[in-house]
Amino acid sequence: MSAHPEVRQSTRARSTGTVVLVIDSHHPDAWFADDGGRWVTVCDEHGGNVNHDTLALARSWASSPEWFCDECSDAEAAR
């Protein structure tokens, strides 16, 4: 788990092998805005991200960064 308190989840996506973070954008140390929702799912390797209204939804997207990260999507398409 990350040493950053704003990171609620850190996991390696099986589909791409990249680390994906779920961040609470309302935390004082957060480095993402809450545009589009409080919870942010982030590809830690490429920086692709998407906001969500609920933590559960953000966590569910963490398993598939190819849905929101262009680089992961391109790599998945090239397989």
C-alpha atoms as a PDB file:
ATOM      1  CA  MET A   1       0.000   0.000   0.000  1.00  0.00           C
ATOM      2  CA  SER A   2       1.197   3.498  -0.748  1.00  0.00           C
ATOM      3  CA  ALA A   3       2.595   5.696   1.991  1.00  0.00           C
ATOM      4  CA  HIS A   4       0.284   8.455   0.759  1.00  0.00           C
ATOM      5  CA  PRO A   5      -2.912   8.670   2.849  1.00  0.00           C
ATOM      6  CA  GLU A   6      -4.954   9.948  -0.108  1.00  0.00           C
ATOM      7  CA  VAL A   7      -4.383   6.606  -1.894  1.00  0.00           C
ATOM      8  CA  ARG A   8      -7.173   4.257  -0.854  1.00  0.00           C
ATOM      9  CA  GLN A   9      -6.104   1.315  -3.029  1.00  0.00           C
ATOM     10  CA  SER A  10      -3.006   0.295  -4.949  1.00  0.00           C
ATOM     11  CA  THR A  11      -3.183  -2.810  -7.111  1.00  0.00           C
ATOM     12  CA  ARG A  12      -1.517  -4.371 -10.134  1.00  0.00           C
ATOM     13  CA  ALA A  13      -3.971  -4.869 -12.981  1.00  0.00           C
ATOM     14  CA  ARG A  14      -3.805  -8.388 -14.410  1.00  0.00           C
ATOM     15  CA  SER A  15      -4.837  -7.207 -17.856  1.00  0.00           C
ATOM     16  CA  THR A  16      -1.890  -4.807 -18.325  1.00  0.00           C
ATOM     17  CA  GLY A  17       0.522  -5.488 -15.462  1.00  0.00           C
ATOM     18  CA  THR A  18       0.474  -1.813 -14.483  1.00  0.00           C
ATOM     19  CA  VAL A  19      -0.096  -0.437 -10.992  1.00  0.00           C
ATOM     20  CA  VAL A  20      -3.445   1.317 -10.581  1.00  0.00           C
ATOM     21  CA  LEU A  21      -4.270   3.676  -7.727  1.00  0.00           C
ATOM     22  CA  VAL A  22      -7.622   4.762  -6.318  1.00  0.00           C
ATOM     23  CA  ILE A  23      -7.310   8.252  -4.864  1.00  0.00           C
ATOM     24  CA  ASP A  24      -9.616  10.298  -2.627  1.00  0.00           C
ATOM     25  CA  SER A  25      -9.507  13.728  -4.268  1.00  0.00           C
ATOM     26  CA  HIS A  26     -11.044  15.305  -1.142  1.00  0.00           C
ATOM     27  CA  HIS A  27      -8.025  14.380   0.975  1.00  0.00           C
ATOM     28  CA  PRO A  28      -5.848  17.444   1.774  1.00  0.00           C
ATOM     29  CA  ASP A  29      -2.774  15.755   0.235  1.00  0.00           C
ATOM     30  CA  ALA A  30      -4.515  14.710  -2.983  1.00  0.00           C
ATOM     31  CA  TRP A  31      -2.944  15.807  -6.239  1.00  0.00           C
ATOM     32  CA  PHE A  32      -6.118  15.368  -8.349  1.00  0.00           C
ATOM     33  CA  ALA A  33      -9.169  17.623  -8.565  1.00  0.00           C
ATOM     34  CA  ASP A  34     -12.650  16.224  -8.002  1.00  0.00           C
ATOM     35  CA  ASP A  35     -13.853  17.185 -11.498  1.00  0.00           C
ATOM     36  CA  GLY A  36     -16.381  14.504 -12.345  1.00  0.00           C
ATOM     37  CA  GLY A  37     -16.365  12.802  -8.938  1.00  0.00           C
ATOM     38  CA  ARG A  38     -14.520  12.493  -5.644  1.00  0.00           C
ATOM     39  CA  TRP A  39     -12.762   9.196  -6.400  1.00  0.00           C
ATOM     40  CA  VAL A  40     -10.036   8.966  -9.056  1.00  0.00           C
ATOM     41  CA  THR A  41      -8.743   5.772 -10.660  1.00  0.00           C
ATOM     42  CA  VAL A  42      -5.200   6.377 -11.948  1.00  0.00           C
ATOM     43  CA  CYS A  43      -2.754   4.338 -14.016  1.00  0.00           C
ATOM     44  CA  ASP A  44       0.399   4.938 -11.984  1.00  0.00           C
ATOM     45  CA  GLU A  45       2.684   4.112 -14.924  1.00  0.00           C
ATOM     46  CA  HIS A  46       1.121   6.349 -17.594  1.00  0.00           C
ATOM     47  CA  GLY A  47      -1.007   8.850 -15.666  1.00  0.00           C
ATOM     48  CA  GLY A  48      -4.308   8.016 -17.383  1.00  0.00           C
ATOM     49  CA  ASN A  49      -7.169   8.701 -14.994  1.00  0.00           C
ATOM     50  CA  VAL A  50     -10.921   8.891 -14.598  1.00  0.00           C
ATOM     51  CA  ASN A  51     -13.129  10.313 -11.820  1.00  0.00           C
ATOM     52  CA  HIS A  52     -16.046   8.478 -10.203  1.00  0.00           C
ATOM     53  CA  ASP A  53     -18.841   9.410  -7.824  1.00  0.00           C
ATOM     54  CA  THR A  54     -18.389   6.327  -5.621  1.00  0.00           C
ATOM     55  CA  LEU A  55     -15.430   4.461  -4.153  1.00  0.00           C
ATOM     56  CA  ALA A  56     -16.937   1.149  -5.254  1.00  0.00           C
ATOM     57  CA  LEU A  57     -17.042   2.280  -8.874  1.00  0.00           C
ATOM     58  CA  ALA A  58     -13.469   3.601  -8.734  1.00  0.00           C
ATOM     59  CA  ARG A  59     -12.264   0.282  -7.304  1.00  0.00           C
ATOM     60  CA  SER A  60     -14.083  -1.692  -9.981  1.00  0.00           C
ATOM     61  CA  TRP A  61     -12.310   0.265 -12.747  1.00  0.00           C
ATOM     62  CA  ALA A  62      -8.890  -0.412 -11.171  1.00  0.00           C
ATOM     63  CA  SER A  63      -8.825  -3.899 -12.677  1.00  0.00           C
ATOM     64  CA  SER A  64      -9.038  -2.564 -16.253  1.00  0.00           C
ATOM     65  CA  PRO A  65      -6.849   0.485 -16.863  1.00  0.00           C
ATOM     66  CA  GLU A  66      -7.255  -0.033 -20.610  1.00  0.00           C
ATOM     67  CA  TRP A  67     -10.725   1.525 -20.164  1.00  0.00           C
ATOM     68  CA  PHE A  68      -9.293   4.934 -19.185  1.00  0.00           C
ATOM     69  CA  CYS A  69      -5.563   4.973 -19.973  1.00  0.00           C
ATOM     70  CA  ASP A  70      -4.703   5.524 -23.639  1.00  0.00           C
ATOM     71  CA  GLU A  71      -1.286   3.860 -23.367  1.00  0.00           C
ATOM     72  CA  CYS A  72      -2.732   0.765 -21.685  1.00  0.00           C
ATOM     73  CA  SER A  73      -5.503   0.651 -24.272  1.00  0.00           C
ATOM     74  CA  ASP A  74      -2.972   0.815 -27.114  1.00  0.00           C
ATOM     75  CA  ALA A  75      -0.853  -1.934 -25.557  1.00  0.00           C
ATOM     76  CA  GLU A  76      -3.914  -4.137 -25.082  1.00  0.00           C
ATOM     77  CA  ALA A  77      -4.998  -3.588 -28.715  1.00  0.00           C
ATOM     78  CA  ALA A  78      -1.522  -4.522 -29.961  1.00  0.00           C
ATOM     79  CA  ARG A  79      -1.679  -7.969 -28.315  1.00  0.00           C
END
